[in-house]
Amino acid sequence: MCLLLSNDLLDEIKETLLKDNSSLTLYDVVGGYSQTQKQQILLIVDRQDYGHLIAKIHEIDPEAFIVTSNVTKVHGGKWGL
């Protein structure tokens, strides 16, 4: 699972990721320090695709803020569990 924030290039990242991933969700968030409205991407990705995903994001925005976590199980969506 990846949570992703980008100051200026989130739309470009979103369009690029949507081509390869159907598990992308957008959240409206407010910066805790800046109090500015932003969007955050939540993306579930298979482990074998993780390195490619991070490289693709950093090609678009080297300053993107990414938080990743291992997910034990995913129910529904394209995984159908």
PDB file of N, CA and C in Angstrom:
ATOM      1  N   MET A   1       0.846  -1.161   0.000  1.00  0.00           N
ATOM      2  CA  MET A   1       0.000   0.000   0.000  1.00  0.00           C
ATOM      3  C   MET A   1       0.897   1.231   0.000  1.00  0.00           C
ATOM      4  N   CYS A   2       0.543   2.209  -0.779  1.00  0.00           N
ATOM      5  CA  CYS A   2       1.275   3.466  -0.830  1.00  0.00           C
ATOM      6  C   CYS A   2       0.311   4.622  -0.613  1.00  0.00           C
ATOM      7  N   LEU A   3       0.700   5.556   0.221  1.00  0.00           N
ATOM      8  CA  LEU A   3       0.031   6.849   0.345  1.00  0.00           C
ATOM      9  C   LEU A   3       0.967   7.853  -0.287  1.00  0.00           C
ATOM     10  N   LEU A   4       0.436   8.727  -1.104  1.00  0.00           N
ATOM     11  CA  LEU A   4       1.276   9.599  -1.913  1.00  0.00           C
ATOM     12  C   LEU A   4       0.761  11.026  -1.907  1.00  0.00           C
ATOM     13  N   LEU A   5       1.663  11.977  -1.668  1.00  0.00           N
ATOM     14  CA  LEU A   5       1.373  13.403  -1.769  1.00  0.00           C
ATOM     15  C   LEU A   5       2.401  14.040  -2.684  1.00  0.00           C
ATOM     16  N   SER A   6       1.934  14.970  -3.518  1.00  0.00           N
ATOM     17  CA  SER A   6       2.816  15.729  -4.387  1.00  0.00           C
ATOM     18  C   SER A   6       2.312  17.162  -4.403  1.00  0.00           C
ATOM     19  N   ASN A   7       3.192  18.123  -4.239  1.00  0.00           N
ATOM     20  CA  ASN A   7       2.767  19.520  -4.170  1.00  0.00           C
ATOM     21  C   ASN A   7       2.221  20.046  -5.487  1.00  0.00           C
ATOM     22  N   ASP A   8       2.835  19.695  -6.594  1.00  0.00           N
ATOM     23  CA  ASP A   8       2.452  20.301  -7.862  1.00  0.00           C
ATOM     24  C   ASP A   8       2.070  19.314  -8.954  1.00  0.00           C
ATOM     25  N   LEU A   9       2.426  18.055  -8.824  1.00  0.00           N
ATOM     26  CA  LEU A   9       2.320  17.131  -9.943  1.00  0.00           C
ATOM     27  C   LEU A   9       1.381  15.956  -9.680  1.00  0.00           C
ATOM     28  N   LEU A  10       0.473  16.092  -8.719  1.00  0.00           N
ATOM     29  CA  LEU A  10      -0.398  14.978  -8.371  1.00  0.00           C
ATOM     30  C   LEU A  10      -1.287  14.563  -9.542  1.00  0.00           C
ATOM     31  N   ASP A  11      -1.810  15.508 -10.305  1.00  0.00           N
ATOM     32  CA  ASP A  11      -2.663  15.154 -11.441  1.00  0.00           C
ATOM     33  C   ASP A  11      -1.902  14.333 -12.476  1.00  0.00           C
ATOM     34  N   GLU A  12      -0.678  14.725 -12.765  1.00  0.00           N
ATOM     35  CA  GLU A  12       0.138  13.974 -13.730  1.00  0.00           C
ATOM     36  C   GLU A  12       0.452  12.576 -13.195  1.00  0.00           C
ATOM     37  N   ILE A  13       0.780  12.480 -11.911  1.00  0.00           N
ATOM     38  CA  ILE A  13       1.040  11.180 -11.298  1.00  0.00           C
ATOM     39  C   ILE A  13      -0.219  10.320 -11.354  1.00  0.00           C
ATOM     40  N   LYS A  14      -1.360  10.903 -11.012  1.00  0.00           N
ATOM     41  CA  LYS A  14      -2.628  10.168 -11.007  1.00  0.00           C
ATOM     42  C   LYS A  14      -2.929   9.603 -12.390  1.00  0.00           C
ATOM     43  N   GLU A  15      -2.806  10.414 -13.423  1.00  0.00           N
ATOM     44  CA  GLU A  15      -3.093   9.952 -14.784  1.00  0.00           C
ATOM     45  C   GLU A  15      -2.150   8.821 -15.200  1.00  0.00           C
ATOM     46  N   THR A  16      -0.894   8.928 -14.839  1.00  0.00           N
ATOM     47  CA  THR A  16       0.083   7.892 -15.170  1.00  0.00           C
ATOM     48  C   THR A  16      -0.242   6.594 -14.440  1.00  0.00           C
ATOM     49  N   LEU A  17      -0.572   6.690 -13.159  1.00  0.00           N
ATOM     50  CA  LEU A  17      -0.849   5.495 -12.369  1.00  0.00           C
ATOM     51  C   LEU A  17      -2.159   4.833 -12.775  1.00  0.00           C
ATOM     52  N   LEU A  18      -3.143   5.610 -13.197  1.00  0.00           N
ATOM     53  CA  LEU A  18      -4.424   5.039 -13.604  1.00  0.00           C
ATOM     54  C   LEU A  18      -4.301   4.148 -14.827  1.00  0.00           C
ATOM     55  N   LYS A  19      -3.274   4.366 -15.633  1.00  0.00           N
ATOM     56  CA  LYS A  19      -3.062   3.531 -16.818  1.00  0.00           C
ATOM     57  C   LYS A  19      -2.727   2.095 -16.423  1.00  0.00           C
ATOM     58  N   ASP A  20      -2.074   1.926 -15.256  1.00  0.00           N
ATOM     59  CA  ASP A  20      -1.586   0.607 -14.840  1.00  0.00           C
ATOM     60  C   ASP A  20      -2.304   0.036 -13.625  1.00  0.00           C
ATOM     61  N   ASN A  21      -3.067   0.840 -12.894  1.00  0.00           N
ATOM     62  CA  ASN A  21      -3.629   0.391 -11.624  1.00  0.00           C
ATOM     63  C   ASN A  21      -5.105   0.744 -11.522  1.00  0.00           C
ATOM     64  N   SER A  22      -5.894  -0.238 -11.132  1.00  0.00           N
ATOM     65  CA  SER A  22      -7.313   0.031 -10.932  1.00  0.00           C
ATOM     66  C   SER A  22      -7.632   0.237  -9.458  1.00  0.00           C
ATOM     67  N   SER A  23      -6.632   0.176  -8.615  1.00  0.00           N
ATOM     68  CA  SER A  23      -6.851   0.249  -7.170  1.00  0.00           C
ATOM     69  C   SER A  23      -6.448   1.603  -6.589  1.00  0.00           C
ATOM     70  N   LEU A  24      -6.607   2.635  -7.361  1.00  0.00           N
ATOM     71  CA  LEU A  24      -6.205   3.975  -6.949  1.00  0.00           C
ATOM     72  C   LEU A  24      -7.417   4.711  -6.368  1.00  0.00           C
ATOM     73  N   THR A  25      -7.250   5.304  -5.176  1.00  0.00           N
ATOM     74  CA  THR A  25      -8.306   6.070  -4.531  1.00  0.00           C
ATOM     75  C   THR A  25      -7.756   7.439  -4.159  1.00  0.00           C
ATOM     76  N   LEU A  26      -8.542   8.487  -4.370  1.00  0.00           N
ATOM     77  CA  LEU A  26      -8.148   9.848  -4.010  1.00  0.00           C
ATOM     78  C   LEU A  26      -8.879  10.280  -2.744  1.00  0.00           C
ATOM     79  N   TYR A  27      -8.161  10.946  -1.857  1.00  0.00           N
ATOM     80  CA  TYR A  27      -8.736  11.508  -0.640  1.00  0.00           C
ATOM     81  C   TYR A  27      -8.446  13.001  -0.606  1.00  0.00           C
ATOM     82  N   ASP A  28      -9.424  13.788  -0.193  1.00  0.00           N
ATOM     83  CA  ASP A  28      -9.191  15.195   0.095  1.00  0.00           C
ATOM     84  C   ASP A  28      -8.658  15.281   1.507  1.00  0.00           C
ATOM     85  N   VAL A  29      -7.532  15.961   1.685  1.00  0.00           N
ATOM     86  CA  VAL A  29      -6.894  16.082   2.996  1.00  0.00           C
ATOM     87  C   VAL A  29      -6.525  17.542   3.248  1.00  0.00           C
ATOM     88  N   VAL A  30      -6.243  17.859   4.496  1.00  0.00           N
ATOM     89  CA  VAL A  30      -5.790  19.186   4.889  1.00  0.00           C
ATOM     90  C   VAL A  30      -4.445  19.018   5.584  1.00  0.00           C
ATOM     91  N   GLY A  31      -3.453  19.781   5.142  1.00  0.00           N
ATOM     92  CA  GLY A  31      -2.140  19.718   5.758  1.00  0.00           C
ATOM     93  C   GLY A  31      -2.204  20.147   7.216  1.00  0.00           C
ATOM     94  N   GLY A  32      -1.656  19.331   8.098  1.00  0.00           N
ATOM     95  CA  GLY A  32      -1.691  19.635   9.529  1.00  0.00           C
ATOM     96  C   GLY A  32      -0.931  20.895   9.889  1.00  0.00           C
ATOM     97  N   TYR A  33       0.196  21.122   9.257  1.00  0.00           N
ATOM     98  CA  TYR A  33       1.003  22.306   9.535  1.00  0.00           C
ATOM     99  C   TYR A  33       0.549  23.491   8.693  1.00  0.00           C
ATOM    100  N   SER A  34       0.368  23.244   7.384  1.00  0.00           N
ATOM    101  CA  SER A  34       0.076  24.344   6.462  1.00  0.00           C
ATOM    102  C   SER A  34      -1.407  24.709   6.408  1.00  0.00           C
ATOM    103  N   GLN A  35      -2.262  23.787   6.826  1.00  0.00           N
ATOM    104  CA  GLN A  35      -3.712  23.965   6.757  1.00  0.00           C
ATOM    105  C   GLN A  35      -4.205  24.163   5.321  1.00  0.00           C
ATOM    106  N   THR A  36      -3.433  23.705   4.338  1.00  0.00           N
ATOM    107  CA  THR A  36      -3.833  23.833   2.938  1.00  0.00           C
ATOM    108  C   THR A  36      -4.561  22.567   2.481  1.00  0.00           C
ATOM    109  N   GLN A  37      -5.535  22.751   1.586  1.00  0.00           N
ATOM    110  CA  GLN A  37      -6.278  21.638   0.994  1.00  0.00           C
ATOM    111  C   GLN A  37      -5.378  20.932  -0.018  1.00  0.00           C
ATOM    112  N   LYS A  38      -5.369  19.604   0.038  1.00  0.00           N
ATOM    113  CA  LYS A  38      -4.576  18.810  -0.891  1.00  0.00           C
ATOM    114  C   LYS A  38      -5.346  17.549  -1.219  1.00  0.00           C
ATOM    115  N   GLN A  39      -4.846  16.803  -2.188  1.00  0.00           N
ATOM    116  CA  GLN A  39      -5.342  15.468  -2.439  1.00  0.00           C
ATOM    117  C   GLN A  39      -4.233  14.479  -2.160  1.00  0.00           C
ATOM    118  N   GLN A  40      -4.633  13.318  -1.689  1.00  0.00           N
ATOM    119  CA  GLN A  40      -3.715  12.231  -1.394  1.00  0.00           C
ATOM    120  C   GLN A  40      -4.162  11.022  -2.201  1.00  0.00           C
ATOM    121  N   ILE A  41      -3.208  10.268  -2.712  1.00  0.00           N
ATOM    122  CA  ILE A  41      -3.501   9.043  -3.443  1.00  0.00           C
ATOM    123  C   ILE A  41      -3.238   7.858  -2.527  1.00  0.00           C
ATOM    124  N   LEU A  42      -4.185   6.931  -2.483  1.00  0.00           N
ATOM    125  CA  LEU A  42      -3.986   5.632  -1.846  1.00  0.00           C
ATOM    126  C   LEU A  42      -3.935   4.611  -2.964  1.00  0.00           C
ATOM    127  N   LEU A  43      -2.916   3.786  -2.976  1.00  0.00           N
ATOM    128  CA  LEU A  43      -2.715   2.844  -4.057  1.00  0.00           C
ATOM    129  C   LEU A  43      -2.307   1.496  -3.475  1.00  0.00           C
ATOM    130  N   ILE A  44      -3.026   0.462  -3.872  1.00  0.00           N
ATOM    131  CA  ILE A  44      -2.650  -0.900  -3.514  1.00  0.00           C
ATOM    132  C   ILE A  44      -1.935  -1.488  -4.717  1.00  0.00           C
ATOM    133  N   VAL A  45      -0.777  -2.069  -4.481  1.00  0.00           N
ATOM    134  CA  VAL A  45       0.036  -2.593  -5.588  1.00  0.00           C
ATOM    135  C   VAL A  45       0.655  -3.921  -5.155  1.00  0.00           C
ATOM    136  N   ASP A  46       0.764  -4.855  -6.090  1.00  0.00           N
ATOM    137  CA  ASP A  46       1.430  -6.118  -5.808  1.00  0.00           C
ATOM    138  C   ASP A  46       2.901  -5.873  -5.509  1.00  0.00           C
ATOM    139  N   ARG A  47       3.448  -6.712  -4.671  1.00  0.00           N
ATOM    140  CA  ARG A  47       4.840  -6.563  -4.235  1.00  0.00           C
ATOM    141  C   ARG A  47       5.806  -6.509  -5.414  1.00  0.00           C
ATOM    142  N   GLN A  48       5.585  -7.334  -6.435  1.00  0.00           N
ATOM    143  CA  GLN A  48       6.513  -7.368  -7.574  1.00  0.00           C
ATOM    144  C   GLN A  48       6.471  -6.085  -8.398  1.00  0.00           C
ATOM    145  N   ASP A  49       5.402  -5.285  -8.259  1.00  0.00           N
ATOM    146  CA  ASP A  49       5.284  -4.027  -8.995  1.00  0.00           C
ATOM    147  C   ASP A  49       5.759  -2.814  -8.198  1.00  0.00           C
ATOM    148  N   TYR A  50       6.113  -3.018  -6.936  1.00  0.00           N
ATOM    149  CA  TYR A  50       6.428  -1.905  -6.037  1.00  0.00           C
ATOM    150  C   TYR A  50       7.610  -1.061  -6.523  1.00  0.00           C
ATOM    151  N   GLY A  51       8.720  -1.679  -6.840  1.00  0.00           N
ATOM    152  CA  GLY A  51       9.910  -0.927  -7.269  1.00  0.00           C
ATOM    153  C   GLY A  51       9.644  -0.101  -8.516  1.00  0.00           C
ATOM    154  N   HIS A  52       8.935  -0.678  -9.467  1.00  0.00           N
ATOM    155  CA  HIS A  52       8.578   0.029 -10.705  1.00  0.00           C
ATOM    156  C   HIS A  52       7.671   1.218 -10.393  1.00  0.00           C
ATOM    157  N   LEU A  53       6.723   1.020  -9.475  1.00  0.00           N
ATOM    158  CA  LEU A  53       5.806   2.092  -9.081  1.00  0.00           C
ATOM    159  C   LEU A  53       6.561   3.279  -8.491  1.00  0.00           C
ATOM    160  N   ILE A  54       7.450   3.026  -7.548  1.00  0.00           N
ATOM    161  CA  ILE A  54       8.208   4.099  -6.899  1.00  0.00           C
ATOM    162  C   ILE A  54       9.082   4.823  -7.926  1.00  0.00           C
ATOM    163  N   ALA A  55       9.721   4.067  -8.810  1.00  0.00           N
ATOM    164  CA  ALA A  55      10.555   4.690  -9.846  1.00  0.00           C
ATOM    165  C   ALA A  55       9.723   5.585 -10.754  1.00  0.00           C
ATOM    166  N   LYS A  56       8.536   5.117 -11.130  1.00  0.00           N
ATOM    167  CA  LYS A  56       7.664   5.887 -12.020  1.00  0.00           C
ATOM    168  C   LYS A  56       7.222   7.185 -11.338  1.00  0.00           C
ATOM    169  N   ILE A  57       6.854   7.101 -10.065  1.00  0.00           N
ATOM    170  CA  ILE A  57       6.444   8.303  -9.324  1.00  0.00           C
ATOM    171  C   ILE A  57       7.589   9.297  -9.251  1.00  0.00           C
ATOM    172  N   HIS A  58       8.786   8.829  -8.917  1.00  0.00           N
ATOM    173  CA  HIS A  58       9.932   9.733  -8.781  1.00  0.00           C
ATOM    174  C   HIS A  58      10.415  10.287 -10.115  1.00  0.00           C
ATOM    175  N   GLU A  59      10.106   9.623 -11.233  1.00  0.00           N
ATOM    176  CA  GLU A  59      10.395  10.202 -12.548  1.00  0.00           C
ATOM    177  C   GLU A  59       9.567  11.457 -12.763  1.00  0.00           C
ATOM    178  N   ILE A  60       8.319  11.412 -12.301  1.00  0.00           N
ATOM    179  CA  ILE A  60       7.411  12.552 -12.472  1.00  0.00           C
ATOM    180  C   ILE A  60       7.688  13.631 -11.445  1.00  0.00           C
ATOM    181  N   ASP A  61       7.847  13.235 -10.171  1.00  0.00           N
ATOM    182  CA  ASP A  61       8.062  14.195  -9.090  1.00  0.00           C
ATOM    183  C   ASP A  61       9.075  13.637  -8.095  1.00  0.00           C
ATOM    184  N   PRO A  62      10.350  14.027  -8.240  1.00  0.00           N
ATOM    185  CA  PRO A  62      11.377  13.538  -7.322  1.00  0.00           C
ATOM    186  C   PRO A  62      11.135  13.939  -5.864  1.00  0.00           C
ATOM    187  N   GLU A  63      10.295  14.944  -5.647  1.00  0.00           N
ATOM    188  CA  GLU A  63      10.012  15.418  -4.290  1.00  0.00           C
ATOM    189  C   GLU A  63       8.716  14.839  -3.710  1.00  0.00           C
ATOM    190  N   ALA A  64       8.079  13.893  -4.413  1.00  0.00           N
ATOM    191  CA  ALA A  64       6.833  13.303  -3.930  1.00  0.00           C
ATOM    192  C   ALA A  64       7.050  12.665  -2.566  1.00  0.00           C
ATOM    193  N   PHE A  65       6.059  12.806  -1.701  1.00  0.00           N
ATOM    194  CA  PHE A  65       6.079  12.225  -0.361  1.00  0.00           C
ATOM    195  C   PHE A  65       5.303  10.920  -0.412  1.00  0.00           C
ATOM    196  N   ILE A  66       5.983   9.805  -0.118  1.00  0.00           N
ATOM    197  CA  ILE A  66       5.378   8.478  -0.236  1.00  0.00           C
ATOM    198  C   ILE A  66       5.539   7.740   1.082  1.00  0.00           C
ATOM    199  N   VAL A  67       4.435   7.198   1.578  1.00  0.00           N
ATOM    200  CA  VAL A  67       4.451   6.340   2.758  1.00  0.00           C
ATOM    201  C   VAL A  67       3.986   4.967   2.296  1.00  0.00           C
ATOM    202  N   THR A  68       4.753   3.922   2.600  1.00  0.00           N
ATOM    203  CA  THR A  68       4.370   2.582   2.183  1.00  0.00           C
ATOM    204  C   THR A  68       4.220   1.674   3.390  1.00  0.00           C
ATOM    205  N   SER A  69       3.406   0.654   3.204  1.00  0.00           N
ATOM    206  CA  SER A  69       3.178  -0.314   4.270  1.00  0.00           C
ATOM    207  C   SER A  69       2.857  -1.656   3.636  1.00  0.00           C
ATOM    208  N   ASN A  70       3.255  -2.730   4.298  1.00  0.00           N
ATOM    209  CA  ASN A  70       2.868  -4.061   3.850  1.00  0.00           C
ATOM    210  C   ASN A  70       1.430  -4.314   4.272  1.00  0.00           C
ATOM    211  N   VAL A  71       0.656  -4.851   3.375  1.00  0.00           N
ATOM    212  CA  VAL A  71      -0.741  -5.184   3.647  1.00  0.00           C
ATOM    213  C   VAL A  71      -0.851  -6.698   3.715  1.00  0.00           C
ATOM    214  N   THR A  72      -1.465  -7.202   4.761  1.00  0.00           N
ATOM    215  CA  THR A  72      -1.591  -8.640   4.924  1.00  0.00           C
ATOM    216  C   THR A  72      -2.635  -9.222   3.991  1.00  0.00           C
ATOM    217  N   LYS A  73      -3.805  -8.583   3.913  1.00  0.00           N
ATOM    218  CA  LYS A  73      -4.863  -9.085   3.046  1.00  0.00           C
ATOM    219  C   LYS A  73      -5.621  -7.918   2.435  1.00  0.00           C
ATOM    220  N   VAL A  74      -6.116  -8.144   1.226  1.00  0.00           N
ATOM    221  CA  VAL A  74      -6.989  -7.199   0.554  1.00  0.00           C
ATOM    222  C   VAL A  74      -8.246  -7.966   0.167  1.00  0.00           C
ATOM    223  N   HIS A  75      -9.399  -7.431   0.489  1.00  0.00           N
ATOM    224  CA  HIS A  75     -10.665  -8.083   0.169  1.00  0.00           C
ATOM    225  C   HIS A  75     -11.411  -7.240  -0.853  1.00  0.00           C
ATOM    226  N   GLY A  76     -11.862  -7.879  -1.931  1.00  0.00           N
ATOM    227  CA  GLY A  76     -12.625  -7.174  -2.952  1.00  0.00           C
ATOM    228  C   GLY A  76     -11.723  -6.604  -4.029  1.00  0.00           C
ATOM    229  N   GLY A  77     -12.322  -5.807  -4.901  1.00  0.00           N
ATOM    230  CA  GLY A  77     -11.577  -5.198  -5.995  1.00  0.00           C
ATOM    231  C   GLY A  77     -11.053  -6.248  -6.949  1.00  0.00           C
ATOM    232  N   LYS A  78      -9.984  -5.963  -7.610  1.00  0.00           N
ATOM    233  CA  LYS A  78      -9.455  -6.879  -8.616  1.00  0.00           C
ATOM    234  C   LYS A  78      -8.869  -8.151  -8.013  1.00  0.00           C
ATOM    235  N   TRP A  79      -8.594  -8.148  -6.708  1.00  0.00           N
ATOM    236  CA  TRP A  79      -8.032  -9.330  -6.067  1.00  0.00           C
ATOM    237  C   TRP A  79      -9.115 -10.356  -5.747  1.00  0.00           C
ATOM    238  N   GLY A  80     -10.351  -9.923  -5.569  1.00  0.00           N
ATOM    239  CA  GLY A  80     -11.473 -10.830  -5.400  1.00  0.00           C
ATOM    240  C   GLY A  80     -11.419 -11.736  -4.196  1.00  0.00           C
ATOM    241  N   LEU A  81     -10.734 -11.349  -3.145  1.00  0.00           N
ATOM    242  CA  LEU A  81     -10.681 -12.179  -1.941  1.00  0.00           C
ATOM    243  C   LEU A  81     -11.827 -11.863  -1.009  1.00  0.00           C
TER     244      LEU A  81
END
